[in-house]
Amino acid sequence: MIKVVDALCGAGKSTAIYKMMRENPEKKYLYITPFRSEIDERIPKELPELDFETPMCKMGKGKVVDFKKLVLEGRNIAATHVLFSMLTPSLVAMIIEWDYCLIIDEVTDCVGMLPPAYKKSDIDAMVTGEFVTIDEERRGKLTWNEEKYPRHDGKYESIRNMCNLDMLYSYKGSFMLWESPTALLQGLSEMYILTYLFRGSDMRCWLDMNKIVYSYMDNELLGLRKESELKAIAKENLKILDNRNLTQTRQQKGTLSSSWFTKTKKVDMDKYRAMLRSTVVKHKGDSGGVFWTTFKDSAHRLAGHGYSIGIKDSDKDKSNKSFLPCNIRATNDYAEYGLCMYAMNVFKNPVVVQYMKANGAMVDEDAFSLSEMVQFLWRGCIRKGEPMKLLILSKRMRILLEEWLDE
């Protein structure tokens, strides 16, 4: 059974799960987190008696090899989301055999589209050439023809690999989507997911599509702080900024969405860029630093003096970055920053939404959008209950946040 601990950042989810592990030292734990600092610092400090190990590259061998070694030794293991996504079928079988208790801190990516390099013509070519078969009774699952192409390492090598991991599907004969394999979550007897607004996540939709049972834990019994208390603190300390030009600008539901950025004219883009620039000029000096986000491919169109570092790949190692990826999770480096600018309107991929709905999942796009935004905002000093200024360019996203704070 999967148990979901759904609570806002600062409620004490990690503290509660650490307490549970500490009180049950006889179990073997696999702790998956996006935070490298959680692995390197917090877990060793909080749970020294459980002696967690982290898979490493050793003697020219990759982390997956070391992962297998640690499982065979029955060690408690802490690893990142990235490494978790690389588990092989044989390693999954080993984890199940050793009956690990799986703890996932923050939802993982479970459903998505293949890169646009793969088109409908590729699906047609693979079916016609008998590279793959499509099982419509199993939601369009693709199976590679190993008998005819047993060692294919050409154009469709990655397709073959995903097929052999049972994770590739065709939708309407025009799109290819991947799903995380379900074997691990179906095979383990005890699992926990620590997150917030789980109802809006792709992971929840993926569980529903695959009829994997989960339940929500009682936050009060876990000793977590009440959401109403945390929201009251956030509402008191979060100052949502007004901008006269933004107020006077008419917006459609999709304004500032990813598709909007691909179609909008420079003159309209410059208006929003000016709003960001004026906010930085007016508020950066007394806010202890600015951090902001939008879609990475469009960031250069909104960037300006005082908030552009972080966009270029060459900025990766700079310590004074202002721009952060919208889906950033694994950092607390901006917990002192008091000015945030959110310059995007978040929606799920429409094809993925159609695919999930067609396969029986209820999709809550507003909850997803709100969750993505809250996760980003809580990179700043609001996570510590300190005053933070916030400019939200999308009126839809601002309304979602304001309604959430007033709930």
Protein backbone atom coordinates (compact mmCIF):
# COMPACT_ATOMS: atom_id res chain seq x y z
CA MET A 1 0.00 0.00 0.00
CA ILE A 2 1.22 3.48 -0.91
CA LYS A 3 0.68 6.09 1.80
CA VAL A 4 0.71 9.76 0.82
CA VAL A 5 1.81 12.45 3.25
CA ASP A 6 0.30 15.56 1.65
CA ALA A 7 1.32 18.73 3.48
CA LEU A 8 2.75 22.18 2.79
CA CYS A 9 6.47 22.85 3.01
CA GLY A 10 7.37 23.48 6.66
CA ALA A 11 4.64 21.21 8.06
CA GLY A 12 7.19 18.65 9.27
CA LYS A 13 6.81 15.83 6.73
CA SER A 14 10.49 14.89 6.76
CA THR A 15 10.68 15.11 10.55
CA ALA A 16 7.72 12.73 10.86
CA ILE A 17 9.14 10.20 8.43
CA TYR A 18 12.56 10.33 10.13
CA LYS A 19 10.83 9.58 13.42
CA MET A 20 9.08 6.60 11.85
CA MET A 21 12.39 5.21 10.51
CA ARG A 22 14.15 5.80 13.80
CA GLU A 23 11.45 3.84 15.65
CA ASN A 24 11.63 0.94 13.17
CA PRO A 25 15.36 0.33 12.65
CA GLU A 26 14.83 -3.33 11.72
CA LYS A 27 13.43 -2.36 8.31
CA LYS A 28 15.48 -1.62 5.20
CA TYR A 29 14.87 1.82 3.73
CA LEU A 30 15.23 3.28 0.24
CA TYR A 31 14.91 7.06 0.50
CA ILE A 32 14.49 8.97 -2.79
CA THR A 33 14.82 12.76 -2.78
CA PRO A 34 15.57 15.58 -5.24
CA PHE A 35 17.73 17.29 -2.61
CA ARG A 36 21.41 16.39 -2.69
CA SER A 37 21.78 18.26 0.62
CA GLU A 38 19.24 15.87 2.13
CA ILE A 39 21.48 12.94 1.19
CA ASP A 40 24.82 14.50 2.10
CA GLU A 41 23.86 16.45 5.23
CA ARG A 42 20.43 16.03 6.78
CA ILE A 43 19.97 12.23 6.66
CA PRO A 44 23.43 11.49 8.15
CA LYS A 45 22.78 14.10 10.86
CA GLU A 46 19.22 13.01 11.70
CA LEU A 47 19.63 9.24 11.30
CA PRO A 48 23.26 8.30 12.06
CA GLU A 49 22.18 5.02 13.64
CA LEU A 50 20.64 3.83 10.33
CA ASP A 51 23.93 4.31 8.47
CA PHE A 52 22.49 5.33 5.09
CA GLU A 53 24.69 4.77 2.03
CA THR A 54 24.57 6.58 -1.32
CA PRO A 55 25.39 4.81 -4.60
CA MET A 56 28.63 6.13 -6.06
CA CYS A 57 30.76 5.64 -9.16
CA LYS A 58 33.57 3.34 -8.07
CA MET A 59 36.48 1.84 -9.98
CA GLY A 60 35.10 2.98 -13.30
CA LYS A 61 31.69 1.42 -12.66
CA GLY A 62 28.47 3.43 -12.62
CA LYS A 63 26.14 4.23 -9.75
CA VAL A 64 23.62 1.56 -10.75
CA VAL A 65 26.27 -1.12 -10.22
CA ASP A 66 27.01 0.25 -6.75
CA PHE A 67 23.26 0.48 -6.10
CA LYS A 68 22.96 -3.29 -6.71
CA LYS A 69 25.87 -3.96 -4.38
CA LEU A 70 24.26 -1.94 -1.58
CA VAL A 71 20.94 -3.76 -2.03
CA LEU A 72 22.64 -7.16 -1.88
CA GLU A 73 24.31 -6.04 1.35
CA GLY A 74 20.93 -5.02 2.77
CA ARG A 75 22.04 -1.45 3.38
CA ASN A 76 19.78 1.55 3.90
CA ILE A 77 20.07 3.63 0.73
CA ALA A 78 19.49 7.31 -0.08
CA ALA A 79 19.46 8.35 -3.73
CA THR A 80 18.29 11.15 -6.01
CA HIS A 81 15.25 11.20 -8.29
CA VAL A 82 17.60 11.07 -11.28
CA LEU A 83 19.23 7.83 -10.16
CA PHE A 84 15.82 6.40 -9.22
CA SER A 85 14.67 6.90 -12.84
CA MET A 86 17.60 4.74 -14.01
CA LEU A 87 16.65 1.57 -12.11
CA THR A 88 16.86 -1.53 -14.28
CA PRO A 89 14.34 -4.41 -14.15
CA SER A 90 16.92 -6.63 -12.42
CA LEU A 91 17.61 -3.98 -9.76
CA VAL A 92 13.87 -3.44 -9.22
CA ALA A 93 13.46 -7.19 -8.70
CA MET A 94 16.27 -7.15 -6.12
CA ILE A 95 14.70 -4.26 -4.19
CA ILE A 96 11.38 -6.12 -4.10
CA GLU A 97 13.05 -9.36 -3.02
CA TRP A 98 14.78 -7.61 -0.13
CA ASP A 99 11.45 -5.99 0.85
CA TYR A 100 12.64 -2.40 1.13
CA CYS A 101 10.42 0.33 2.52
CA LEU A 102 10.37 2.97 -0.22
CA ILE A 103 10.12 6.66 0.69
CA ILE A 104 9.78 9.19 -2.14
CA ASP A 105 10.32 12.82 -1.15
CA GLU A 106 8.43 14.90 -3.75
CA VAL A 107 6.61 13.30 -6.67
CA THR A 108 8.67 11.91 -9.53
CA ASP A 109 8.07 12.30 -13.26
CA CYS A 110 5.91 9.34 -14.31
CA VAL A 111 4.32 10.29 -17.64
CA GLY A 112 5.54 12.34 -20.58
CA MET A 113 5.88 12.69 -24.32
CA LEU A 114 8.92 11.63 -26.28
CA PRO A 115 10.98 14.44 -27.83
CA PRO A 116 9.46 16.08 -30.93
CA ALA A 117 12.16 14.41 -33.04
CA TYR A 118 9.86 11.36 -33.05
CA LYS A 119 6.84 11.95 -35.30
CA LYS A 120 3.77 10.07 -36.50
CA SER A 121 5.77 8.97 -39.53
CA ASP A 122 8.19 7.18 -37.19
CA ILE A 123 5.34 5.26 -35.58
CA ASP A 124 4.01 4.31 -39.03
CA ALA A 125 7.49 3.26 -40.18
CA MET A 126 8.13 1.12 -37.11
CA VAL A 127 4.75 -0.63 -37.39
CA THR A 128 5.07 -1.16 -41.15
CA GLY A 129 8.64 -2.39 -40.77
CA GLU A 130 7.57 -4.69 -37.93
CA PHE A 131 9.95 -3.07 -35.47
CA VAL A 132 7.11 -2.82 -32.95
CA THR A 133 3.58 -3.99 -32.31
CA ILE A 134 0.87 -1.90 -30.65
CA ASP A 135 -1.41 -3.59 -28.13
CA GLU A 136 -4.60 -1.52 -28.10
CA GLU A 137 -6.05 -3.62 -25.28
CA ARG A 138 -3.16 -2.49 -23.06
CA ARG A 139 -3.59 1.25 -23.67
CA GLY A 140 -1.52 1.21 -26.87
CA LYS A 141 1.56 -0.39 -25.32
CA LEU A 142 4.49 -0.79 -27.69
CA THR A 143 6.43 -4.06 -27.81
CA TRP A 144 9.74 -4.36 -29.64
CA ASN A 145 10.18 -7.22 -32.13
CA GLU A 146 13.26 -8.82 -30.58
CA GLU A 147 12.99 -11.82 -32.88
CA LYS A 148 13.40 -9.72 -36.01
CA TYR A 149 15.61 -6.91 -34.61
CA PRO A 150 17.45 -8.41 -31.60
CA ARG A 151 20.46 -6.10 -31.61
CA HIS A 152 19.13 -2.91 -33.18
CA ASP A 153 21.43 0.04 -32.41
CA GLY A 154 20.29 2.41 -35.12
CA LYS A 155 17.70 5.20 -35.27
CA TYR A 156 15.26 3.45 -32.96
CA GLU A 157 17.71 2.21 -30.34
CA SER A 158 16.16 4.34 -27.58
CA ILE A 159 12.69 3.13 -28.62
CA ARG A 160 13.86 -0.48 -28.26
CA ASN A 161 15.32 0.24 -24.83
CA MET A 162 12.10 1.84 -23.56
CA CYS A 163 9.97 -0.95 -25.01
CA ASN A 164 12.09 -3.51 -23.20
CA LEU A 165 11.54 -1.59 -19.97
CA ASP A 166 7.74 -1.79 -20.52
CA MET A 167 7.37 1.98 -20.56
CA LEU A 168 6.37 3.08 -24.09
CA TYR A 169 2.86 3.71 -25.38
CA SER A 170 1.20 4.97 -28.57
CA TYR A 171 -1.72 7.40 -28.35
CA LYS A 172 -4.13 7.77 -31.28
CA GLY A 173 -1.42 6.37 -33.55
CA SER A 174 0.16 9.81 -33.67
CA PHE A 175 2.04 10.34 -30.40
CA MET A 176 4.46 8.28 -28.35
CA LEU A 177 4.41 8.65 -24.58
CA TRP A 178 6.52 7.08 -21.87
CA GLU A 179 5.35 5.91 -18.47
CA SER A 180 7.43 4.81 -15.52
CA PRO A 181 7.33 1.03 -15.08
CA THR A 182 4.93 -0.02 -12.31
CA ALA A 183 6.75 -3.15 -11.09
CA LEU A 184 8.45 -1.55 -8.08
CA LEU A 185 5.39 0.20 -6.66
CA GLN A 186 3.24 -2.88 -7.25
CA GLY A 187 5.82 -5.22 -5.73
CA LEU A 188 6.69 -3.51 -2.45
CA SER A 189 4.53 -3.82 0.65
CA GLU A 190 5.31 -0.41 2.22
CA MET A 191 5.79 2.93 0.45
CA TYR A 192 5.44 6.60 1.34
CA ILE A 193 5.19 9.69 -0.87
CA LEU A 194 5.95 13.05 0.75
CA THR A 195 4.48 15.91 -1.27
CA TYR A 196 1.94 18.71 -1.46
CA LEU A 197 -1.17 19.00 -3.65
CA PHE A 198 -0.77 15.39 -4.73
CA ARG A 199 -4.14 15.55 -6.48
CA GLY A 200 -2.65 17.80 -9.15
CA SER A 201 0.41 15.67 -9.88
CA ASP A 202 1.08 13.47 -12.89
CA MET A 203 2.17 10.81 -10.43
CA ARG A 204 -1.32 10.61 -8.95
CA CYS A 205 -2.80 10.36 -12.48
CA TRP A 206 -0.29 7.63 -13.33
CA LEU A 207 -1.26 5.64 -10.23
CA ASP A 208 -4.93 5.96 -11.13
CA MET A 209 -4.33 4.91 -14.76
CA ASN A 210 -2.55 1.80 -13.55
CA LYS A 211 -5.10 1.12 -10.79
CA ILE A 212 -2.42 1.25 -8.09
CA VAL A 213 -4.03 1.80 -4.69
CA TYR A 214 -2.90 4.64 -2.41
CA SER A 215 -4.27 6.40 0.66
CA TYR A 216 -3.68 9.71 2.43
CA MET A 217 -2.21 9.67 5.92
CA ASP A 218 -3.75 11.69 8.74
CA ASN A 219 -1.53 14.77 9.15
CA GLU A 220 -2.77 15.44 12.66
CA LEU A 221 -1.88 11.93 13.83
CA LEU A 222 1.58 12.43 12.31
CA GLY A 223 2.00 15.57 14.38
CA LEU A 224 2.30 17.89 11.38
CA ARG A 225 1.61 21.60 11.61
CA LYS A 226 -1.85 22.58 10.41
CA GLU A 227 -2.11 23.94 6.87
CA SER A 228 -4.32 26.77 8.08
CA GLU A 229 -1.53 27.89 10.42
CA LEU A 230 1.13 27.77 7.70
CA LYS A 231 -1.10 29.60 5.23
CA ALA A 232 -1.84 32.33 7.77
CA ILE A 233 1.90 32.90 8.22
CA ALA A 234 2.41 32.95 4.44
CA LYS A 235 -0.48 35.32 3.88
CA GLU A 236 0.87 37.70 6.50
CA ASN A 237 4.38 37.72 5.04
CA LEU A 238 3.75 37.40 1.31
CA LYS A 239 3.24 40.80 -0.31
CA ILE A 240 1.80 40.33 -3.79
CA LEU A 241 2.89 43.38 -5.77
CA ASP A 242 0.64 45.42 -8.02
CA ASN A 243 1.82 46.94 -11.28
CA ARG A 244 -0.24 49.64 -12.97
CA ASN A 245 0.70 48.53 -16.47
CA LEU A 246 -0.07 44.91 -15.64
CA THR A 247 -3.44 45.86 -14.20
CA GLN A 248 -4.32 47.68 -17.42
CA THR A 249 -3.17 44.82 -19.68
CA ARG A 250 -5.87 42.50 -20.98
CA GLN A 251 -5.04 38.81 -20.78
CA GLN A 252 -6.56 35.63 -22.17
CA LYS A 253 -6.54 32.35 -20.23
CA GLY A 254 -3.42 31.23 -22.11
CA THR A 255 -1.45 34.49 -21.84
CA LEU A 256 2.13 33.78 -20.73
CA SER A 257 1.73 30.02 -21.35
CA SER A 258 4.45 28.16 -23.24
CA SER A 259 2.52 28.34 -26.52
CA TRP A 260 1.87 32.07 -26.00
CA PHE A 261 5.61 32.72 -25.87
CA THR A 262 6.09 31.06 -29.26
CA LYS A 263 3.50 33.28 -30.93
CA THR A 264 3.57 36.65 -29.19
CA LYS A 265 5.03 39.75 -30.84
CA LYS A 266 8.10 41.60 -29.60
CA VAL A 267 6.11 44.69 -28.70
CA ASP A 268 3.95 42.65 -26.29
CA MET A 269 6.96 40.86 -24.87
CA ASP A 270 8.69 44.18 -24.23
CA LYS A 271 5.73 45.34 -22.13
CA TYR A 272 6.12 42.42 -19.75
CA ARG A 273 9.90 42.79 -19.75
CA ALA A 274 9.45 46.43 -18.66
CA MET A 275 7.20 45.30 -15.80
CA LEU A 276 9.90 42.96 -14.52
CA ARG A 277 12.60 45.59 -14.90
CA SER A 278 10.63 48.25 -13.03
CA THR A 279 9.94 45.79 -10.20
CA VAL A 280 13.64 45.02 -9.85
CA VAL A 281 14.56 48.70 -9.84
CA LYS A 282 11.93 49.53 -7.25
CA HIS A 283 12.22 46.59 -4.87
CA LYS A 284 15.52 44.71 -5.26
CA GLY A 285 17.54 46.99 -3.00
CA ASP A 286 15.55 46.27 0.15
CA SER A 287 14.72 42.63 -0.56
CA GLY A 288 18.03 40.82 -0.13
CA GLY A 289 18.13 39.46 -3.68
CA VAL A 290 15.79 38.66 -6.57
CA PHE A 291 14.94 35.28 -8.07
CA TRP A 292 12.54 34.69 -10.93
CA THR A 293 11.43 32.19 -13.51
CA THR A 294 9.70 31.63 -16.81
CA PHE A 295 10.03 29.01 -19.55
CA LYS A 296 13.75 28.47 -20.13
CA ASP A 297 13.59 28.88 -23.91
CA SER A 298 11.92 32.29 -23.53
CA ALA A 299 13.86 33.65 -20.56
CA HIS A 300 16.22 35.75 -22.69
CA ARG A 301 13.23 37.64 -24.09
CA LEU A 302 12.23 38.84 -20.61
CA ALA A 303 15.65 39.22 -19.02
CA GLY A 304 17.07 42.63 -18.17
CA HIS A 305 19.76 44.39 -16.19
CA GLY A 306 19.89 43.18 -12.61
CA TYR A 307 18.14 39.85 -13.09
CA SER A 308 19.67 38.06 -16.08
CA ILE A 309 22.34 35.85 -14.49
CA GLY A 310 21.40 32.19 -14.61
CA ILE A 311 19.92 32.03 -18.10
CA LYS A 312 23.07 31.10 -20.02
CA ASP A 313 24.65 27.68 -19.62
CA SER A 314 27.88 29.48 -18.75
CA ASP A 315 26.13 30.89 -15.65
CA LYS A 316 25.68 27.41 -14.17
CA ASP A 317 28.34 27.69 -11.49
CA LYS A 318 27.80 31.35 -10.59
CA SER A 319 26.65 31.97 -7.03
CA ASN A 320 24.62 35.13 -7.72
CA LYS A 321 22.06 33.67 -10.12
CA SER A 322 18.67 35.35 -10.35
CA PHE A 323 16.99 33.17 -12.96
CA LEU A 324 16.04 29.68 -11.79
CA PRO A 325 14.39 26.84 -13.72
CA CYS A 326 10.66 26.79 -13.04
CA ASN A 327 10.76 23.18 -11.83
CA ILE A 328 13.71 23.60 -9.47
CA ARG A 329 13.49 21.50 -6.34
CA ALA A 330 16.93 20.54 -5.15
CA THR A 331 18.12 23.78 -3.55
CA ASN A 332 17.69 25.93 -0.48
CA ASP A 333 20.27 28.44 -1.72
CA TYR A 334 17.68 31.19 -2.15
CA ALA A 335 16.12 31.04 1.30
CA GLU A 336 17.42 34.55 2.03
CA TYR A 337 15.96 36.11 -1.15
CA GLY A 338 13.03 38.43 -0.56
CA LEU A 339 11.89 39.37 -4.08
CA CYS A 340 10.35 36.79 -6.41
CA MET A 341 8.99 37.29 -9.94
CA TYR A 342 6.85 34.57 -11.49
CA ALA A 343 6.59 35.19 -15.23
CA MET A 344 4.71 32.21 -16.59
CA ASN A 345 1.31 30.58 -16.84
CA VAL A 346 1.59 26.86 -16.16
CA PHE A 347 -0.43 24.18 -17.92
CA LYS A 348 0.12 20.48 -18.46
CA ASN A 349 0.99 19.28 -21.96
CA PRO A 350 -2.43 19.02 -23.67
CA VAL A 351 -1.61 15.70 -25.35
CA VAL A 352 -0.55 14.21 -22.02
CA VAL A 353 -3.79 15.52 -20.47
CA GLN A 354 -5.87 13.87 -23.22
CA TYR A 355 -3.91 10.64 -22.84
CA MET A 356 -4.43 10.52 -19.08
CA LYS A 357 -8.13 11.32 -19.34
CA ALA A 358 -8.61 8.72 -22.08
CA ASN A 359 -7.10 6.14 -19.75
CA GLY A 360 -9.33 6.87 -16.79
CA ALA A 361 -7.46 9.53 -14.81
CA MET A 362 -9.12 12.66 -13.45
CA VAL A 363 -6.85 15.62 -14.25
CA ASP A 364 -6.82 18.71 -12.00
CA GLU A 365 -4.87 21.28 -13.99
CA ASP A 366 -5.40 24.14 -11.54
CA ALA A 367 -4.01 22.05 -8.67
CA PHE A 368 -1.00 21.18 -10.84
CA SER A 369 -0.40 24.83 -11.75
CA LEU A 370 -0.74 25.94 -8.14
CA SER A 371 1.58 23.20 -6.93
CA GLU A 372 4.29 24.14 -9.43
CA MET A 373 4.08 27.79 -8.41
CA VAL A 374 4.03 27.16 -4.65
CA GLN A 375 7.05 24.86 -4.96
CA PHE A 376 8.96 27.64 -6.71
CA LEU A 377 7.91 30.44 -4.37
CA TRP A 378 8.98 28.36 -1.38
CA ARG A 379 12.58 28.47 -2.61
CA GLY A 380 12.64 32.04 -1.24
CA CYS A 381 12.54 33.38 2.30
CA ILE A 382 8.79 32.79 2.63
CA ARG A 383 9.74 29.17 3.44
CA LYS A 384 11.13 30.52 6.73
CA GLY A 385 8.05 32.62 7.42
CA GLU A 386 9.87 35.84 6.55
CA PRO A 387 8.48 38.75 4.48
CA MET A 388 8.78 38.25 0.72
CA LYS A 389 7.60 40.40 -2.17
CA LEU A 390 6.07 38.69 -5.18
CA LEU A 391 5.18 39.81 -8.70
CA ILE A 392 3.02 37.40 -10.70
CA LEU A 393 2.62 38.40 -14.35
CA SER A 394 -0.16 35.92 -15.17
CA LYS A 395 -3.53 36.98 -13.79
CA ARG A 396 -4.70 33.35 -13.84
CA MET A 397 -1.76 32.27 -11.67
CA ARG A 398 -2.26 35.20 -9.30
CA ILE A 399 -5.92 34.32 -8.80
CA LEU A 400 -5.01 30.68 -8.10
CA LEU A 401 -2.55 31.78 -5.41
CA GLU A 402 -4.88 34.33 -3.82
CA GLU A 403 -7.77 31.86 -3.67
CA TRP A 404 -5.48 29.23 -2.16
CA LEU A 405 -4.29 31.64 0.54
CA ASP A 406 -7.91 32.52 1.37
CA GLU A 407 -9.11 28.91 1.64
